[in-house]
């Protein structure tokens, strides 16, 4: 599971490696735009933002400028494992494309004029689902976990998203659980099995990855499963500058898994590819999040 937690970051690197013309198609160039284009990779509870994060974004931008006609000065980006500095970065740099979750989109869509662009698909599945797991035989229901310790990197997400979307307003996680967010969900599962924490909230990808560790998976059971929701992974803060390069970017993304090399990279992380969507696709999801459905 620790290996798969880096999937979104690796996909960003992959885009530049296998699509040398990723930002330069049909003679168009970011340098033709009047303003700089920014990129934010937002992964709450992800790998460190120190040397590892710097290396990720530096390699991303260096490959971009070496493989295209884009000048290094025309692009900038940053990786974040905390939502607050990511929001500050987007606020300051409004011409921004963002790799982030459905939770980030819902919580920030009006503030930054976010437009959903692509769903992440996994084995053909385009929806996300969250699993609250416990040690087998320890608890039988969500009610049994009131006041208990819950862990997982999902807990770094927007609290309203967790309450409204994951738990459908059945509980308020901040007061219902003793929350212990962690950047290491697999370690949290191991601590759960030794009694250090009582439950762990996993994404669908994390739950599927756990199945690949039979000795651990056979010790756990699911006490709550969220409804399915769109697995949004890519969005932009809409400005004239981002609209100007959107089509080139999305054209490259949908072709990703048509390349043999692309299939291998995506398969390593349980990702089948990206599916571009129209903004209205998420109308029902937005209504549920805001409580207006």
C-alpha atoms as a PDB file:
ATOM      1  CA  UNK A   1       0.000   0.000   0.000  1.00  0.00           C
ATOM      2  CA  UNK A   2       2.882   2.371   0.746  1.00  0.00           C
ATOM      3  CA  UNK A   3       4.090   1.842  -2.823  1.00  0.00           C
ATOM      4  CA  UNK A   4       0.685   2.694  -4.269  1.00  0.00           C
ATOM      5  CA  UNK A   5       0.255   5.832  -2.183  1.00  0.00           C
ATOM      6  CA  UNK A   6       2.649   7.607  -4.579  1.00  0.00           C
ATOM      7  CA  UNK A   7       0.525   6.788  -7.645  1.00  0.00           C
ATOM      8  CA  UNK A   8      -0.660  10.292  -8.457  1.00  0.00           C
ATOM      9  CA  UNK A   9       2.817  11.778  -8.139  1.00  0.00           C
ATOM     10  CA  UNK A  10       4.333   9.106 -10.351  1.00  0.00           C
ATOM     11  CA  UNK A  11       1.658   9.633 -12.981  1.00  0.00           C
ATOM     12  CA  UNK A  12       2.673  13.291 -13.198  1.00  0.00           C
ATOM     13  CA  UNK A  13       6.255  12.233 -13.873  1.00  0.00           C
ATOM     14  CA  UNK A  14       5.029   9.669 -16.377  1.00  0.00           C
ATOM     15  CA  UNK A  15       3.116  12.279 -18.370  1.00  0.00           C
ATOM     16  CA  UNK A  16       6.288  14.176 -19.094  1.00  0.00           C
ATOM     17  CA  UNK A  17       8.377  11.089 -19.836  1.00  0.00           C
ATOM     18  CA  UNK A  18       6.038   9.499 -22.368  1.00  0.00           C
ATOM     19  CA  UNK A  19       4.573  12.665 -23.840  1.00  0.00           C
ATOM     20  CA  UNK A  20       7.484  14.892 -24.817  1.00  0.00           C
ATOM     21  CA  UNK A  21       4.995  17.125 -26.601  1.00  0.00           C
ATOM     22  CA  UNK A  22       2.634  17.173 -23.621  1.00  0.00           C
ATOM     23  CA  UNK A  23       2.366  20.953 -23.537  1.00  0.00           C
ATOM     24  CA  UNK A  24       3.286  21.626 -27.158  1.00  0.00           C
ATOM     25  CA  UNK A  25       0.891  20.379 -29.798  1.00  0.00           C
ATOM     26  CA  UNK A  26      -0.062  21.824 -33.156  1.00  0.00           C
ATOM     27  CA  UNK A  27       2.480  24.594 -32.760  1.00  0.00           C
ATOM     28  CA  UNK A  28       0.998  25.890 -29.489  1.00  0.00           C
ATOM     29  CA  UNK A  29       3.272  26.806 -26.618  1.00  0.00           C
ATOM     30  CA  UNK A  30       2.787  28.013 -23.095  1.00  0.00           C
ATOM     31  CA  UNK A  31       5.394  30.647 -23.842  1.00  0.00           C
ATOM     32  CA  UNK A  32       2.879  32.189 -26.227  1.00  0.00           C
ATOM     33  CA  UNK A  33       0.652  32.953 -23.248  1.00  0.00           C
ATOM     34  CA  UNK A  34       1.048  36.174 -21.362  1.00  0.00           C
ATOM     35  CA  UNK A  35       1.156  34.526 -17.957  1.00  0.00           C
ATOM     36  CA  UNK A  36       3.032  31.673 -16.315  1.00  0.00           C
ATOM     37  CA  UNK A  37       1.283  28.302 -15.922  1.00  0.00           C
ATOM     38  CA  UNK A  38       1.474  26.588 -12.533  1.00  0.00           C
ATOM     39  CA  UNK A  39       1.019  23.006 -11.364  1.00  0.00           C
ATOM     40  CA  UNK A  40       0.022  21.848  -7.901  1.00  0.00           C
ATOM     41  CA  UNK A  41       0.149  18.217  -6.829  1.00  0.00           C
ATOM     42  CA  UNK A  42      -2.024  17.951  -3.709  1.00  0.00           C
ATOM     43  CA  UNK A  43      -1.789  14.709  -1.758  1.00  0.00           C
ATOM     44  CA  UNK A  44      -2.793  15.169   1.910  1.00  0.00           C
ATOM     45  CA  UNK A  45      -0.735  12.890   4.120  1.00  0.00           C
ATOM     46  CA  UNK A  46       1.578  11.991   1.243  1.00  0.00           C
ATOM     47  CA  UNK A  47       5.393  11.792   1.121  1.00  0.00           C
ATOM     48  CA  UNK A  48       7.476  14.587   2.629  1.00  0.00           C
ATOM     49  CA  UNK A  49       7.543  17.970   0.956  1.00  0.00           C
ATOM     50  CA  UNK A  50      11.230  18.444   1.737  1.00  0.00           C
ATOM     51  CA  UNK A  51      13.967  17.033  -0.513  1.00  0.00           C
ATOM     52  CA  UNK A  52      11.666  14.296  -1.863  1.00  0.00           C
ATOM     53  CA  UNK A  53       8.928  16.738  -2.810  1.00  0.00           C
ATOM     54  CA  UNK A  54      11.430  19.208  -4.290  1.00  0.00           C
ATOM     55  CA  UNK A  55      12.958  16.452  -6.383  1.00  0.00           C
ATOM     56  CA  UNK A  56       9.564  15.396  -7.731  1.00  0.00           C
ATOM     57  CA  UNK A  57       8.537  18.844  -8.901  1.00  0.00           C
ATOM     58  CA  UNK A  58      12.022  19.829 -10.130  1.00  0.00           C
ATOM     59  CA  UNK A  59      12.290  16.705 -12.290  1.00  0.00           C
ATOM     60  CA  UNK A  60       8.780  17.303 -13.556  1.00  0.00           C
ATOM     61  CA  UNK A  61       9.516  20.847 -14.673  1.00  0.00           C
ATOM     62  CA  UNK A  62      13.009  20.068 -15.993  1.00  0.00           C
ATOM     63  CA  UNK A  63      11.684  17.260 -18.194  1.00  0.00           C
ATOM     64  CA  UNK A  64       8.899  19.517 -19.385  1.00  0.00           C
ATOM     65  CA  UNK A  65      11.266  22.243 -20.526  1.00  0.00           C
ATOM     66  CA  UNK A  66      13.862  19.864 -22.017  1.00  0.00           C
ATOM     67  CA  UNK A  67      11.378  17.854 -24.033  1.00  0.00           C
ATOM     68  CA  UNK A  68       9.323  20.760 -25.383  1.00  0.00           C
ATOM     69  CA  UNK A  69       9.830  24.284 -26.647  1.00  0.00           C
ATOM     70  CA  UNK A  70       8.581  25.674 -23.367  1.00  0.00           C
ATOM     71  CA  UNK A  71      11.063  27.878 -21.563  1.00  0.00           C
ATOM     72  CA  UNK A  72      11.872  26.892 -17.995  1.00  0.00           C
ATOM     73  CA  UNK A  73      10.780  30.341 -16.880  1.00  0.00           C
ATOM     74  CA  UNK A  74       7.287  29.794 -18.302  1.00  0.00           C
ATOM     75  CA  UNK A  75       6.246  27.087 -15.845  1.00  0.00           C
ATOM     76  CA  UNK A  76       6.359  26.540 -12.105  1.00  0.00           C
ATOM     77  CA  UNK A  77       4.926  24.023  -9.694  1.00  0.00           C
ATOM     78  CA  UNK A  78       4.910  22.583  -6.224  1.00  0.00           C
ATOM     79  CA  UNK A  79       3.995  19.364  -4.455  1.00  0.00           C
ATOM     80  CA  UNK A  80       1.969  19.495  -1.233  1.00  0.00           C
ATOM     81  CA  UNK A  81       1.089  16.928   1.412  1.00  0.00           C
ATOM     82  CA  UNK A  82      -0.906  19.487   3.403  1.00  0.00           C
ATOM     83  CA  UNK A  83      -4.032  21.263   2.145  1.00  0.00           C
ATOM     84  CA  UNK A  84      -3.409  24.678   3.745  1.00  0.00           C
ATOM     85  CA  UNK A  85      -0.177  25.550   1.870  1.00  0.00           C
ATOM     86  CA  UNK A  86      -1.654  24.117  -1.337  1.00  0.00           C
ATOM     87  CA  UNK A  87      -4.576  26.527  -1.039  1.00  0.00           C
ATOM     88  CA  UNK A  88      -2.186  29.427  -0.432  1.00  0.00           C
ATOM     89  CA  UNK A  89      -0.176  28.461  -3.527  1.00  0.00           C
ATOM     90  CA  UNK A  90      -3.262  28.331  -5.756  1.00  0.00           C
ATOM     91  CA  UNK A  91      -4.520  31.613  -4.323  1.00  0.00           C
ATOM     92  CA  UNK A  92      -1.248  33.266  -5.249  1.00  0.00           C
ATOM     93  CA  UNK A  93      -0.840  31.493  -8.610  1.00  0.00           C
ATOM     94  CA  UNK A  94      -4.284  31.372 -10.168  1.00  0.00           C
ATOM     95  CA  UNK A  95      -3.209  29.926 -13.561  1.00  0.00           C
ATOM     96  CA  UNK A  96      -3.006  26.497 -11.990  1.00  0.00           C
ATOM     97  CA  UNK A  97      -3.655  22.875 -12.958  1.00  0.00           C
ATOM     98  CA  UNK A  98      -4.177  20.613  -9.968  1.00  0.00           C
ATOM     99  CA  UNK A  99      -3.781  16.913  -9.388  1.00  0.00           C
ATOM    100  CA  UNK A 100      -6.018  16.310  -6.381  1.00  0.00           C
ATOM    101  CA  UNK A 101      -8.951  14.387  -4.977  1.00  0.00           C
ATOM    102  CA  UNK A 102     -12.705  14.754  -5.248  1.00  0.00           C
ATOM    103  CA  UNK A 103     -12.587  16.012  -1.658  1.00  0.00           C
ATOM    104  CA  UNK A 104     -10.194  18.821  -2.558  1.00  0.00           C
ATOM    105  CA  UNK A 105     -12.360  19.810  -5.506  1.00  0.00           C
ATOM    106  CA  UNK A 106     -15.598  19.940  -3.524  1.00  0.00           C
ATOM    107  CA  UNK A 107     -14.085  21.937  -0.681  1.00  0.00           C
ATOM    108  CA  UNK A 108     -12.332  24.496  -2.902  1.00  0.00           C
ATOM    109  CA  UNK A 109     -14.309  24.666  -6.134  1.00  0.00           C
ATOM    110  CA  UNK A 110     -15.950  28.075  -5.536  1.00  0.00           C
ATOM    111  CA  UNK A 111     -12.939  29.744  -3.916  1.00  0.00           C
ATOM    112  CA  UNK A 112     -10.623  29.022  -6.851  1.00  0.00           C
ATOM    113  CA  UNK A 113     -13.147  28.631  -9.673  1.00  0.00           C
ATOM    114  CA  UNK A 114     -12.129  24.984 -10.109  1.00  0.00           C
ATOM    115  CA  UNK A 115     -13.201  23.062 -13.196  1.00  0.00           C
ATOM    116  CA  UNK A 116     -13.160  19.235 -13.010  1.00  0.00           C
ATOM    117  CA  UNK A 117     -11.273  17.758 -15.945  1.00  0.00           C
ATOM    118  CA  UNK A 118     -10.536  14.043 -15.556  1.00  0.00           C
ATOM    119  CA  UNK A 119     -11.490  11.026 -13.505  1.00  0.00           C
ATOM    120  CA  UNK A 120      -8.856   8.486 -12.539  1.00  0.00           C
ATOM    121  CA  UNK A 121      -9.913   4.979 -13.557  1.00  0.00           C
ATOM    122  CA  UNK A 122      -8.699   1.811 -11.860  1.00  0.00           C
ATOM    123  CA  UNK A 123      -9.303  -1.528 -13.565  1.00  0.00           C
ATOM    124  CA  UNK A 124     -12.015   0.215 -15.531  1.00  0.00           C
ATOM    125  CA  UNK A 125     -13.706   1.573 -12.394  1.00  0.00           C
ATOM    126  CA  UNK A 126     -14.263   5.327 -12.410  1.00  0.00           C
ATOM    127  CA  UNK A 127     -15.712   5.679  -8.922  1.00  0.00           C
ATOM    128  CA  UNK A 128     -14.177   5.961  -5.468  1.00  0.00           C
ATOM    129  CA  UNK A 129     -15.383   4.236  -2.316  1.00  0.00           C
ATOM    130  CA  UNK A 130     -14.084   4.403   1.250  1.00  0.00           C
ATOM    131  CA  UNK A 131     -13.779   1.511   3.694  1.00  0.00           C
ATOM    132  CA  UNK A 132     -13.716   1.673   7.493  1.00  0.00           C
ATOM    133  CA  UNK A 133     -11.946  -1.463   8.620  1.00  0.00           C
ATOM    134  CA  UNK A 134     -11.333  -3.061  12.014  1.00  0.00           C
ATOM    135  CA  UNK A 135      -9.489  -6.057  13.363  1.00  0.00           C
ATOM    136  CA  UNK A 136     -11.626  -9.109  12.701  1.00  0.00           C
ATOM    137  CA  UNK A 137     -13.923  -9.834  15.623  1.00  0.00           C
ATOM    138  CA  UNK A 138     -13.246  -6.563  17.462  1.00  0.00           C
ATOM    139  CA  UNK A 139     -16.203  -4.368  16.439  1.00  0.00           C
ATOM    140  CA  UNK A 140     -19.389  -5.108  14.543  1.00  0.00           C
ATOM    141  CA  UNK A 141     -20.730  -1.718  13.482  1.00  0.00           C
ATOM    142  CA  UNK A 142     -20.108   1.989  13.149  1.00  0.00           C
ATOM    143  CA  UNK A 143     -21.979   2.528  16.406  1.00  0.00           C
ATOM    144  CA  UNK A 144     -19.484   0.300  18.222  1.00  0.00           C
ATOM    145  CA  UNK A 145     -16.676   2.682  17.228  1.00  0.00           C
ATOM    146  CA  UNK A 146     -18.050   5.806  18.895  1.00  0.00           C
ATOM    147  CA  UNK A 147     -15.281   7.369  20.976  1.00  0.00           C
ATOM    148  CA  UNK A 148     -12.671   4.998  19.537  1.00  0.00           C
ATOM    149  CA  UNK A 149      -9.377   5.788  17.803  1.00  0.00           C
ATOM    150  CA  UNK A 150      -9.524   5.946  14.016  1.00  0.00           C
ATOM    151  CA  UNK A 151      -6.531   6.411  11.708  1.00  0.00           C
ATOM    152  CA  UNK A 152      -5.632   6.728   8.019  1.00  0.00           C
ATOM    153  CA  UNK A 153      -4.415   9.406   5.604  1.00  0.00           C
ATOM    154  CA  UNK A 154      -7.988  10.001   4.388  1.00  0.00           C
ATOM    155  CA  UNK A 155      -8.451  11.927   7.651  1.00  0.00           C
ATOM    156  CA  UNK A 156      -6.301  14.737   6.238  1.00  0.00           C
ATOM    157  CA  UNK A 157      -9.119  15.473   3.783  1.00  0.00           C
ATOM    158  CA  UNK A 158     -11.673  18.248   4.284  1.00  0.00           C
ATOM    159  CA  UNK A 159     -13.841  17.383   7.310  1.00  0.00           C
ATOM    160  CA  UNK A 160     -17.055  18.385   5.543  1.00  0.00           C
ATOM    161  CA  UNK A 161     -16.208  16.001   2.725  1.00  0.00           C
ATOM    162  CA  UNK A 162     -15.635  13.139   5.165  1.00  0.00           C
ATOM    163  CA  UNK A 163     -18.872  13.901   7.016  1.00  0.00           C
ATOM    164  CA  UNK A 164     -21.168  14.595   4.051  1.00  0.00           C
ATOM    165  CA  UNK A 165     -19.759  12.288   1.404  1.00  0.00           C
ATOM    166  CA  UNK A 166     -17.992   9.423   3.168  1.00  0.00           C
ATOM    167  CA  UNK A 167     -20.383   9.066   6.121  1.00  0.00           C
ATOM    168  CA  UNK A 168     -23.486  10.655   4.520  1.00  0.00           C
ATOM    169  CA  UNK A 169     -24.093  12.964   7.502  1.00  0.00           C
ATOM    170  CA  UNK A 170     -24.680   9.991   9.785  1.00  0.00           C
ATOM    171  CA  UNK A 171     -21.946  11.193  12.131  1.00  0.00           C
ATOM    172  CA  UNK A 172     -19.591  14.111  12.735  1.00  0.00           C
ATOM    173  CA  UNK A 173     -16.171  12.501  12.630  1.00  0.00           C
ATOM    174  CA  UNK A 174     -14.519  15.233  14.711  1.00  0.00           C
ATOM    175  CA  UNK A 175     -16.663  14.466  17.742  1.00  0.00           C
ATOM    176  CA  UNK A 176     -17.585  10.851  17.034  1.00  0.00           C
ATOM    177  CA  UNK A 177     -14.037   9.465  16.813  1.00  0.00           C
ATOM    178  CA  UNK A 178     -10.664  10.149  18.343  1.00  0.00           C
ATOM    179  CA  UNK A 179      -8.932  10.893  15.070  1.00  0.00           C
ATOM    180  CA  UNK A 180      -5.271  10.060  14.508  1.00  0.00           C
ATOM    181  CA  UNK A 181      -4.357  10.986  10.909  1.00  0.00           C
ATOM    182  CA  UNK A 182      -1.268   9.310   9.514  1.00  0.00           C
ATOM    183  CA  UNK A 183       0.748   9.472   6.320  1.00  0.00           C
ATOM    184  CA  UNK A 184       1.352   5.721   6.606  1.00  0.00           C
ATOM    185  CA  UNK A 185      -1.965   3.875   6.173  1.00  0.00           C
ATOM    186  CA  UNK A 186      -0.362   0.428   6.045  1.00  0.00           C
ATOM    187  CA  UNK A 187       1.357   1.087   9.359  1.00  0.00           C
ATOM    188  CA  UNK A 188      -2.019   2.185  10.714  1.00  0.00           C
ATOM    189  CA  UNK A 189      -3.512  -1.164   9.687  1.00  0.00           C
ATOM    190  CA  UNK A 190      -0.705  -2.982  11.512  1.00  0.00           C
ATOM    191  CA  UNK A 191      -1.252  -0.842  14.612  1.00  0.00           C
ATOM    192  CA  UNK A 192      -4.944  -1.676  14.418  1.00  0.00           C
ATOM    193  CA  UNK A 193      -4.146  -5.365  14.433  1.00  0.00           C
ATOM    194  CA  UNK A 194      -2.024  -4.917  17.556  1.00  0.00           C
ATOM    195  CA  UNK A 195      -4.692  -2.828  19.304  1.00  0.00           C
ATOM    196  CA  UNK A 196      -2.980   0.579  19.150  1.00  0.00           C
ATOM    197  CA  UNK A 197      -5.831   2.048  17.081  1.00  0.00           C
ATOM    198  CA  UNK A 198      -9.357   0.732  16.697  1.00  0.00           C
ATOM    199  CA  UNK A 199     -10.147   1.353  13.038  1.00  0.00           C
ATOM    200  CA  UNK A 200      -8.616   2.643   9.802  1.00  0.00           C
ATOM    201  CA  UNK A 201     -10.349   4.558   7.005  1.00  0.00           C
ATOM    202  CA  UNK A 202      -9.050   3.510   3.578  1.00  0.00           C
ATOM    203  CA  UNK A 203      -9.578   4.634   0.003  1.00  0.00           C
ATOM    204  CA  UNK A 204     -10.736   2.059  -2.514  1.00  0.00           C
ATOM    205  CA  UNK A 205      -7.240   1.764  -3.981  1.00  0.00           C
ATOM    206  CA  UNK A 206      -5.748   1.235  -0.536  1.00  0.00           C
ATOM    207  CA  UNK A 207      -8.321  -1.433   0.278  1.00  0.00           C
ATOM    208  CA  UNK A 208      -7.638  -3.276  -2.980  1.00  0.00           C
ATOM    209  CA  UNK A 209      -3.897  -3.024  -2.349  1.00  0.00           C
ATOM    210  CA  UNK A 210      -4.389  -4.552   1.089  1.00  0.00           C
ATOM    211  CA  UNK A 211      -5.823  -7.635  -0.591  1.00  0.00           C
ATOM    212  CA  UNK A 212      -2.365  -8.231  -2.027  1.00  0.00           C
ATOM    213  CA  UNK A 213      -1.085  -8.859   1.525  1.00  0.00           C
ATOM    214  CA  UNK A 214      -3.132 -11.960   2.466  1.00  0.00           C
ATOM    215  CA  UNK A 215      -1.596 -12.382   5.934  1.00  0.00           C
ATOM    216  CA  UNK A 216      -2.813  -8.893   6.838  1.00  0.00           C
ATOM    217  CA  UNK A 217      -6.046  -8.822   4.844  1.00  0.00           C
ATOM    218  CA  UNK A 218      -7.394 -11.989   6.446  1.00  0.00           C
ATOM    219  CA  UNK A 219      -7.180 -10.311   9.856  1.00  0.00           C
ATOM    220  CA  UNK A 220      -9.446  -7.375   9.000  1.00  0.00           C
ATOM    221  CA  UNK A 221     -13.112  -6.806   8.223  1.00  0.00           C
ATOM    222  CA  UNK A 222     -15.202  -3.907   6.960  1.00  0.00           C
ATOM    223  CA  UNK A 223     -17.707  -2.319   9.360  1.00  0.00           C
ATOM    224  CA  UNK A 224     -18.699   0.570   7.099  1.00  0.00           C
ATOM    225  CA  UNK A 225     -18.517   1.218   3.370  1.00  0.00           C
ATOM    226  CA  UNK A 226     -19.241   4.615   1.829  1.00  0.00           C
ATOM    227  CA  UNK A 227     -21.414   5.186  -1.227  1.00  0.00           C
ATOM    228  CA  UNK A 228     -19.536   5.297  -4.502  1.00  0.00           C
ATOM    229  CA  UNK A 229     -18.585   8.708  -5.864  1.00  0.00           C
ATOM    230  CA  UNK A 230     -16.680   9.978  -8.917  1.00  0.00           C
ATOM    231  CA  UNK A 231     -12.929   9.402  -8.623  1.00  0.00           C
ATOM    232  CA  UNK A 232     -11.875  12.877  -9.695  1.00  0.00           C
ATOM    233  CA  UNK A 233      -8.117  13.267 -10.032  1.00  0.00           C
ATOM    234  CA  UNK A 234      -7.410  16.283 -12.238  1.00  0.00           C
ATOM    235  CA  UNK A 235      -8.816  19.820 -12.313  1.00  0.00           C
ATOM    236  CA  UNK A 236      -7.872  23.399 -13.111  1.00  0.00           C
ATOM    237  CA  UNK A 237      -8.432  26.841 -11.703  1.00  0.00           C
ATOM    238  CA  UNK A 238     -10.164  28.419 -14.672  1.00  0.00           C
ATOM    239  CA  UNK A 239      -8.455  31.492 -16.111  1.00  0.00           C
ATOM    240  CA  UNK A 240      -7.835  32.629 -19.700  1.00  0.00           C
ATOM    241  CA  UNK A 241      -4.338  31.141 -19.453  1.00  0.00           C
ATOM    242  CA  UNK A 242      -5.432  27.688 -18.253  1.00  0.00           C
ATOM    243  CA  UNK A 243      -8.277  27.573 -20.785  1.00  0.00           C
ATOM    244  CA  UNK A 244      -5.709  28.263 -23.496  1.00  0.00           C
ATOM    245  CA  UNK A 245      -3.725  25.057 -22.836  1.00  0.00           C
ATOM    246  CA  UNK A 246      -6.492  22.814 -21.468  1.00  0.00           C
ATOM    247  CA  UNK A 247      -7.278  20.964 -24.700  1.00  0.00           C
ATOM    248  CA  UNK A 248      -3.627  20.100 -25.356  1.00  0.00           C
ATOM    249  CA  UNK A 249      -3.230  18.709 -21.858  1.00  0.00           C
ATOM    250  CA  UNK A 250      -6.410  16.651 -21.901  1.00  0.00           C
ATOM    251  CA  UNK A 251      -5.696  15.334 -25.383  1.00  0.00           C
ATOM    252  CA  UNK A 252      -2.467  13.829 -24.083  1.00  0.00           C
ATOM    253  CA  UNK A 253      -4.031  12.404 -20.930  1.00  0.00           C
ATOM    254  CA  UNK A 254      -6.755  10.394 -22.636  1.00  0.00           C
ATOM    255  CA  UNK A 255      -4.163   8.753 -24.905  1.00  0.00           C
ATOM    256  CA  UNK A 256      -1.928   7.737 -22.031  1.00  0.00           C
ATOM    257  CA  UNK A 257      -2.798   4.059 -21.783  1.00  0.00           C
ATOM    258  CA  UNK A 258      -2.791   3.519 -25.548  1.00  0.00           C
ATOM    259  CA  UNK A 259       1.005   3.328 -25.296  1.00  0.00           C
ATOM    260  CA  UNK A 260       2.545   0.055 -24.139  1.00  0.00           C
ATOM    261  CA  UNK A 261       4.923   1.885 -21.811  1.00  0.00           C
ATOM    262  CA  UNK A 262       2.005   3.852 -20.425  1.00  0.00           C
ATOM    263  CA  UNK A 263       0.045   0.683 -19.671  1.00  0.00           C
ATOM    264  CA  UNK A 264       2.952  -0.781 -17.710  1.00  0.00           C
ATOM    265  CA  UNK A 265       3.420   2.321 -15.597  1.00  0.00           C
ATOM    266  CA  UNK A 266      -0.283   2.690 -14.880  1.00  0.00           C
ATOM    267  CA  UNK A 267      -0.722  -0.982 -14.058  1.00  0.00           C
ATOM    268  CA  UNK A 268       2.025  -0.750 -11.452  1.00  0.00           C
ATOM    269  CA  UNK A 269      -0.169   1.640  -9.519  1.00  0.00           C
ATOM    270  CA  UNK A 270      -3.563   0.135 -10.190  1.00  0.00           C
ATOM    271  CA  UNK A 271      -4.530   2.915 -12.609  1.00  0.00           C
ATOM    272  CA  UNK A 272      -6.118   2.139 -15.953  1.00  0.00           C
ATOM    273  CA  UNK A 273      -5.944   5.732 -17.145  1.00  0.00           C
ATOM    274  CA  UNK A 274      -7.759   9.042 -17.160  1.00  0.00           C
ATOM    275  CA  UNK A 275     -11.268   9.723 -18.406  1.00  0.00           C
ATOM    276  CA  UNK A 276     -12.040  13.325 -19.265  1.00  0.00           C
ATOM    277  CA  UNK A 277     -15.418  14.637 -18.115  1.00  0.00           C
ATOM    278  CA  UNK A 278     -17.717  17.605 -18.557  1.00  0.00           C
ATOM    279  CA  UNK A 279     -18.196  19.789 -15.450  1.00  0.00           C
ATOM    280  CA  UNK A 280     -21.921  18.982 -15.201  1.00  0.00           C
ATOM    281  CA  UNK A 281     -20.984  15.350 -14.527  1.00  0.00           C
ATOM    282  CA  UNK A 282     -20.410  16.316 -10.898  1.00  0.00           C
ATOM    283  CA  UNK A 283     -23.633  18.292 -10.350  1.00  0.00           C
ATOM    284  CA  UNK A 284     -25.230  15.558  -8.244  1.00  0.00           C
ATOM    285  CA  UNK A 285     -22.054  15.116  -6.206  1.00  0.00           C
ATOM    286  CA  UNK A 286     -21.833  18.856  -5.550  1.00  0.00           C
ATOM    287  CA  UNK A 287     -25.474  18.930  -4.446  1.00  0.00           C
ATOM    288  CA  UNK A 288     -24.834  16.140  -1.973  1.00  0.00           C
ATOM    289  CA  UNK A 289     -21.745  17.857  -0.592  1.00  0.00           C
ATOM    290  CA  UNK A 290     -23.526  21.171  -0.123  1.00  0.00           C
ATOM    291  CA  UNK A 291     -26.666  19.545   1.266  1.00  0.00           C
ATOM    292  CA  UNK A 292     -28.837  20.954  -1.497  1.00  0.00           C
ATOM    293  CA  UNK A 293     -29.899  17.644  -3.019  1.00  0.00           C
END
